[in-house]
Protein backbone atom coordinates (compact mmCIF):
# COMPACT_ATOMS: atom_id res chain seq x y z
CA MET A 1 0.70 -15.30 13.62
CA SER A 2 3.60 -12.90 13.04
CA GLU A 3 3.72 -9.29 14.11
CA GLN A 4 3.17 -8.15 10.53
CA GLU A 5 0.16 -10.31 10.07
CA ARG A 6 -1.63 -8.59 12.95
CA LYS A 7 -1.25 -5.19 11.37
CA THR A 8 -3.38 -3.54 8.78
CA PHE A 9 -2.05 -2.37 5.46
CA PHE A 10 -3.57 0.49 3.50
CA ILE A 11 -3.02 0.86 -0.19
CA TYR A 12 -3.83 3.76 -2.55
CA THR A 13 -4.17 2.64 -6.17
CA LYS A 14 -5.40 3.52 -9.61
CA ARG A 15 -7.36 1.24 -11.97
CA ASP A 16 -4.76 1.18 -14.73
CA CYS A 17 -1.84 0.25 -12.51
CA GLY A 18 -0.32 -3.23 -12.89
CA PHE A 19 1.83 -2.89 -9.80
CA CYS A 20 -1.27 -1.96 -7.83
CA ARG A 21 -2.97 -5.16 -8.95
CA LYS A 22 0.18 -7.14 -8.01
CA ALA A 23 0.27 -5.61 -4.49
CA ILE A 24 -3.39 -6.43 -3.91
CA GLU A 25 -2.80 -10.02 -5.07
CA LEU A 26 0.22 -10.31 -2.76
CA PHE A 27 -1.85 -9.16 0.20
CA LYS A 28 -4.60 -11.72 -0.69
CA ASP A 29 -2.05 -14.53 -1.33
CA ARG A 30 -0.35 -13.92 2.05
CA GLY A 31 -3.70 -13.52 3.94
CA LEU A 32 -2.70 -10.02 5.09
CA HIS A 33 -5.40 -7.64 6.17
CA PHE A 34 -5.53 -4.55 3.93
CA ILE A 35 -7.78 -1.65 3.05
CA HIS A 36 -7.80 -0.57 -0.55
CA MET A 37 -8.68 2.90 -1.89
CA ASP A 38 -8.89 3.42 -5.66
CA MET A 39 -7.95 7.00 -6.32
CA THR A 40 -8.66 6.91 -10.13
CA GLU A 41 -11.50 9.42 -9.79
CA ASN A 42 -9.93 11.54 -7.08
CA GLU A 43 -6.71 12.99 -8.60
CA GLU A 44 -6.74 16.04 -6.30
CA LEU A 45 -6.68 13.98 -3.14
CA LEU A 46 -4.12 11.62 -4.58
CA LYS A 47 -1.81 14.54 -5.43
CA SER A 48 -2.17 15.91 -1.89
CA ILE A 49 -1.17 12.52 -0.36
CA GLN A 50 1.68 12.13 -2.83
CA GLU A 51 2.97 15.54 -1.87
CA GLU A 52 2.76 14.75 1.89
CA VAL A 53 4.76 11.50 1.64
CA LYS A 54 6.96 12.75 -1.25
CA TRP A 55 5.95 9.79 -3.49
CA ASN A 56 4.98 10.26 -7.08
CA THR A 57 3.55 6.89 -8.14
CA VAL A 58 0.95 4.34 -7.12
CA PRO A 59 0.65 2.08 -5.32
CA MET A 60 1.28 3.92 -2.15
CA ILE A 61 1.38 1.42 0.70
CA PHE A 62 1.19 2.10 4.41
CA GLN A 63 1.08 -0.17 7.42
CA PHE A 64 -0.95 0.72 10.48
CA SER A 65 -0.70 -0.78 14.01
CA ASP A 66 -2.42 0.76 16.99
CA ARG A 67 -1.74 4.47 16.41
CA ASN A 68 1.43 4.13 14.39
CA GLN A 69 1.61 4.66 10.65
CA VAL A 70 4.55 3.50 8.48
CA PHE A 71 4.91 4.51 4.78
CA ILE A 72 6.32 1.47 2.99
CA GLY A 73 6.44 2.76 -0.58
CA GLY A 74 5.34 0.91 -3.71
CA PHE A 75 5.15 -2.72 -4.78
CA THR A 76 8.89 -3.41 -4.84
CA ASP A 77 9.23 -1.74 -1.41
CA LEU A 78 6.41 -3.99 -0.13
CA ASN A 79 8.29 -7.08 -1.26
CA THR A 80 11.35 -5.86 0.58
CA PHE A 81 9.30 -5.01 3.70
CA LEU A 82 7.72 -8.49 3.71
CA GLY A 83 11.14 -10.20 3.14
CA ILE A 84 10.32 -11.43 -0.35
CA GLU A 85 13.19 -11.51 -2.74
């Protein structure tokens, strides 16, 4: 099992987001552990998180290992992070 496969990903999404669905499918297809939070009904919290990481769109994808948190970005950034062309 690779180092990435032992880490947990966290993804903030919205229901109407095609790239969010693609990211979730990618996690499932790759067998990667992830936690998903749909922010459709919580715009205020979503805006707060977006301001904190300076990211305006969903999905917003993070990777956690031990006590470290890495902001990856969106779906295209996830592909790059995972080494998918």
